[in-house]
Amino acid sequence: MSEGNASAPAGDQLMADALASQAVYTAELLRWKQAFDAYVHRGINYEQLGIITIRLHYLTSHITVVTVLAPDEMAYDDFTLEMKQLVDLSREALGFLNKTPVRFTVDLGVVVPLYFVALKCRLHHIRSQAVKLLVSNPRREGLWDSVFAGKAAEWVQKVEEEHQDNGQIPSWARVRNVHTTFNLQRRKADLECRQRLAENGEFISKFGSITW
């Protein structure tokens, strides 16, 4: 009895600390964006691709920070506009990138933001656009292979959309903890995620594999 009473305040304090940290990071990101926008509008000569890439990673970081303490995957539904912006910005960036024969870079660019959209946006048309951009624009950014990312996200999409109702994916059907074990040289990967099969069901593991 005494242990239960002692653990509740400790848990409350942990959540309070987490919420405070979340507020700090969100405010810092907002201040950064305001400063960045002011810099852009000064008319300084800059590379458009670099500006697009920075905006991509700002948006991805912003959504991640705001949703990190959310109790379920439904929180991402509040960011449909931002998800669409990520797809549009990535398409614009690829317009620049595809003008060169270079398909490998050590820098992060469009792959991570598009993979994020393909996993976390549950609107079919936006999600499918992200998958298509990944698969149809083969490139490597560090360890991130775009075709692998697109195929992995497409598998998750199919797993979730088996349970969609009137075009909506219910909260219980949204997967958690997507894990991949991949071999880029052999171009194959094993996939695992956790999903409920009913509203009050327990999480079970689901497995798949992809080649590209």
Protein backbone atom coordinates (compact mmCIF):
# COMPACT_ATOMS: atom_id res chain seq x y z
CA MET A 1 0.00 0.00 0.00
CA SER A 2 2.74 2.43 0.97
CA GLU A 3 4.74 1.54 -2.16
CA GLY A 4 1.77 2.36 -4.38
CA ASN A 5 1.28 5.74 -2.74
CA ALA A 6 4.95 6.55 -3.06
CA SER A 7 5.21 5.61 -6.73
CA ALA A 8 2.28 7.78 -7.85
CA PRO A 9 3.91 11.12 -6.92
CA ALA A 10 7.17 9.93 -8.46
CA GLY A 11 5.36 9.09 -11.70
CA ASP A 12 3.59 12.44 -11.64
CA GLN A 13 6.93 14.21 -11.23
CA LEU A 14 8.44 12.31 -14.14
CA MET A 15 5.54 13.30 -16.37
CA ALA A 16 5.76 16.91 -15.19
CA ASP A 17 9.47 16.96 -16.00
CA ALA A 18 8.83 15.43 -19.41
CA LEU A 19 6.12 17.99 -20.20
CA ALA A 20 8.41 20.81 -19.10
CA SER A 21 11.20 19.51 -21.36
CA GLN A 22 8.77 19.15 -24.23
CA ALA A 23 7.67 22.77 -23.79
CA VAL A 24 11.29 23.97 -23.78
CA TYR A 25 12.17 22.08 -26.97
CA THR A 26 9.00 23.22 -28.72
CA ALA A 27 9.71 26.86 -27.83
CA GLU A 28 13.34 26.53 -28.99
CA LEU A 29 12.24 25.11 -32.32
CA LEU A 30 9.76 27.95 -32.76
CA ARG A 31 12.43 30.57 -32.00
CA TRP A 32 14.77 28.89 -34.46
CA LYS A 33 12.09 28.95 -37.18
CA GLN A 34 11.37 32.64 -36.60
CA ALA A 35 15.07 33.48 -36.88
CA PHE A 36 15.47 31.29 -39.96
CA ASP A 37 12.45 32.86 -41.71
CA ALA A 38 13.82 36.33 -40.94
CA TYR A 39 17.17 35.31 -42.47
CA VAL A 40 15.54 33.94 -45.62
CA HIS A 41 13.46 37.07 -46.19
CA ARG A 42 16.55 39.29 -46.05
CA GLY A 43 17.17 38.36 -49.66
CA ILE A 44 20.64 36.93 -49.04
CA ASN A 45 21.99 34.79 -51.88
CA TYR A 46 21.63 31.14 -50.80
CA GLU A 47 21.14 27.73 -52.34
CA GLN A 48 17.47 26.94 -52.61
CA LEU A 49 18.04 23.24 -52.05
CA GLY A 50 19.72 23.93 -48.70
CA ILE A 51 16.79 26.07 -47.57
CA ILE A 52 14.29 23.37 -48.55
CA THR A 53 16.29 20.70 -46.72
CA ILE A 54 16.44 22.77 -43.53
CA ARG A 55 12.70 23.33 -43.66
CA LEU A 56 12.15 19.60 -44.13
CA HIS A 57 14.09 18.72 -41.01
CA TYR A 58 12.58 21.53 -38.98
CA LEU A 59 9.06 20.26 -39.72
CA THR A 60 10.02 16.66 -38.96
CA SER A 61 11.64 17.68 -35.67
CA HIS A 62 8.69 19.88 -34.72
CA ILE A 63 6.12 17.10 -35.19
CA THR A 64 8.34 14.63 -33.33
CA VAL A 65 8.82 16.91 -30.32
CA VAL A 66 5.14 17.89 -30.06
CA THR A 67 3.91 14.28 -30.27
CA VAL A 68 6.61 12.53 -28.22
CA LEU A 69 4.44 12.31 -25.09
CA ALA A 70 1.18 11.53 -26.89
CA PRO A 71 -0.61 8.44 -25.53
CA ASP A 72 -1.33 6.96 -28.97
CA GLU A 73 -0.75 7.34 -32.70
CA MET A 74 -3.89 9.46 -33.19
CA ALA A 75 -1.83 12.53 -32.26
CA TYR A 76 -0.28 12.56 -35.73
CA ASP A 77 -3.70 13.24 -37.28
CA ASP A 78 -3.38 16.85 -36.06
CA PHE A 79 -0.44 17.38 -38.43
CA THR A 80 -1.96 16.57 -41.81
CA LEU A 81 -1.04 19.99 -43.20
CA GLU A 82 2.56 19.60 -42.07
CA MET A 83 2.72 16.08 -43.52
CA LYS A 84 1.55 17.40 -46.88
CA GLN A 85 4.15 20.17 -46.68
CA LEU A 86 6.84 17.55 -46.08
CA VAL A 87 5.79 15.70 -49.22
CA ASP A 88 5.63 18.90 -51.29
CA LEU A 89 9.01 20.13 -50.05
CA SER A 90 10.58 16.72 -50.70
CA ARG A 91 9.22 16.72 -54.24
CA GLU A 92 10.68 20.18 -54.76
CA ALA A 93 14.05 19.07 -53.35
CA LEU A 94 14.10 16.02 -55.62
CA GLY A 95 13.56 18.34 -58.56
CA PHE A 96 16.99 19.81 -57.76
CA LEU A 97 18.64 16.54 -56.76
CA ASN A 98 17.59 14.64 -59.89
CA LYS A 99 19.34 17.17 -62.12
CA THR A 100 22.67 15.60 -61.09
CA PRO A 101 23.85 11.99 -61.49
CA VAL A 102 24.79 11.81 -57.80
CA ARG A 103 22.67 9.26 -55.95
CA PHE A 104 24.70 8.96 -52.75
CA THR A 105 25.47 11.51 -50.07
CA VAL A 106 26.58 11.32 -46.46
CA ASP A 107 24.11 14.08 -45.59
CA LEU A 108 20.48 13.56 -44.63
CA GLY A 109 18.04 15.05 -47.10
CA VAL A 110 14.60 13.85 -48.17
CA VAL A 111 14.61 10.17 -47.19
CA VAL A 112 14.05 10.52 -43.44
CA PRO A 113 11.23 13.11 -43.73
CA LEU A 114 9.44 11.06 -46.39
CA TYR A 115 9.82 7.86 -44.37
CA PHE A 116 8.41 9.70 -41.36
CA VAL A 117 5.34 10.75 -43.38
CA ALA A 118 4.90 7.27 -44.82
CA LEU A 119 4.84 5.78 -41.31
CA LYS A 120 2.92 8.42 -39.36
CA CYS A 121 0.42 9.98 -41.79
CA ARG A 122 -2.68 7.82 -42.10
CA LEU A 123 -4.32 9.66 -45.00
CA HIS A 124 -3.92 7.21 -47.86
CA HIS A 125 -3.19 9.70 -50.65
CA ILE A 126 -0.52 11.65 -48.73
CA ARG A 127 1.06 8.49 -47.39
CA SER A 128 1.11 6.86 -50.81
CA GLN A 129 2.73 9.94 -52.35
CA ALA A 130 5.55 9.71 -49.78
CA VAL A 131 6.05 6.00 -50.54
CA LYS A 132 6.06 6.66 -54.30
CA LEU A 133 8.65 9.45 -54.01
CA LEU A 134 10.93 7.16 -51.99
CA VAL A 135 10.65 4.18 -54.31
CA SER A 136 10.74 6.05 -57.63
CA ASN A 137 13.75 8.22 -56.75
CA PRO A 138 16.51 5.76 -55.76
CA ARG A 139 19.18 7.40 -53.63
CA ARG A 140 21.30 6.79 -50.54
CA GLU A 141 21.64 9.35 -47.75
CA GLY A 142 24.10 7.97 -45.24
CA LEU A 143 22.73 4.56 -44.25
CA TRP A 144 19.27 5.48 -45.50
CA ASP A 145 18.33 3.82 -48.78
CA SER A 146 15.23 5.45 -50.25
CA VAL A 147 13.85 2.33 -51.93
CA PHE A 148 14.30 0.27 -48.76
CA ALA A 149 12.57 3.00 -46.72
CA GLY A 150 9.70 3.20 -49.20
CA LYS A 151 9.19 -0.57 -49.34
CA ALA A 152 9.32 -0.86 -45.52
CA ALA A 153 6.79 1.94 -45.08
CA GLU A 154 4.57 0.42 -47.78
CA TRP A 155 4.51 -2.85 -45.80
CA VAL A 156 3.43 -0.97 -42.66
CA GLN A 157 0.76 0.85 -44.66
CA LYS A 158 -0.68 -2.44 -45.93
CA VAL A 159 -0.65 -3.95 -42.41
CA GLU A 160 -2.64 -0.99 -41.06
CA GLU A 161 -5.02 -0.53 -43.99
CA GLU A 162 -6.27 -4.10 -43.66
CA HIS A 163 -8.31 -2.73 -40.74
CA GLN A 164 -9.42 0.62 -42.15
CA ASP A 165 -13.04 1.65 -41.76
CA ASN A 166 -14.48 4.16 -44.24
CA GLY A 167 -10.98 5.18 -45.18
CA GLN A 168 -9.93 5.72 -41.56
CA ILE A 169 -7.43 3.63 -39.63
CA PRO A 170 -8.69 3.21 -36.05
CA SER A 171 -6.37 3.88 -33.14
CA TRP A 172 -6.09 0.23 -32.13
CA ALA A 173 -4.95 -0.83 -35.61
CA ARG A 174 -2.05 1.61 -35.81
CA VAL A 175 1.26 -0.15 -35.51
CA ARG A 176 3.97 0.55 -32.96
CA ASN A 177 7.67 -0.24 -32.69
CA VAL A 178 8.62 -0.84 -36.31
CA HIS A 179 11.94 -2.69 -36.38
CA THR A 180 14.00 -3.54 -39.45
CA THR A 181 16.96 -5.83 -39.97
CA PHE A 182 18.43 -5.15 -43.38
CA ASN A 183 21.29 -6.00 -45.68
CA LEU A 184 21.85 -3.18 -48.15
CA GLN A 185 24.27 -5.21 -50.25
CA ARG A 186 21.81 -8.07 -50.70
CA ARG A 187 18.94 -5.58 -50.85
CA LYS A 188 16.66 -7.49 -48.50
CA ALA A 189 15.18 -6.80 -45.07
CA ASP A 190 13.12 -8.47 -42.35
CA LEU A 191 10.45 -6.33 -40.72
CA GLU A 192 8.60 -6.50 -37.42
CA CYS A 193 5.95 -4.34 -35.79
CA ARG A 194 3.45 -4.48 -32.94
CA GLN A 195 -0.28 -4.19 -33.61
CA ARG A 196 -3.63 -4.90 -32.00
CA LEU A 197 -6.14 -6.89 -34.02
CA ALA A 198 -9.18 -5.54 -32.15
CA GLU A 199 -10.08 -2.51 -30.08
CA ASN A 200 -9.49 -4.22 -26.74
CA GLY A 201 -6.96 -6.72 -27.98
CA GLU A 202 -3.39 -7.26 -26.87
CA PHE A 203 -0.45 -6.16 -28.96
CA ILE A 204 0.99 -8.95 -31.08
CA SER A 205 4.06 -9.06 -33.28
CA LYS A 206 3.66 -9.07 -37.04
CA PHE A 207 6.48 -10.02 -39.38
CA GLY A 208 7.29 -9.40 -43.00
CA SER A 209 10.17 -9.25 -45.46
CA ILE A 210 10.99 -7.10 -48.45
CA THR A 211 13.47 -7.07 -51.32
CA TRP A 212 14.36 -4.21 -53.60
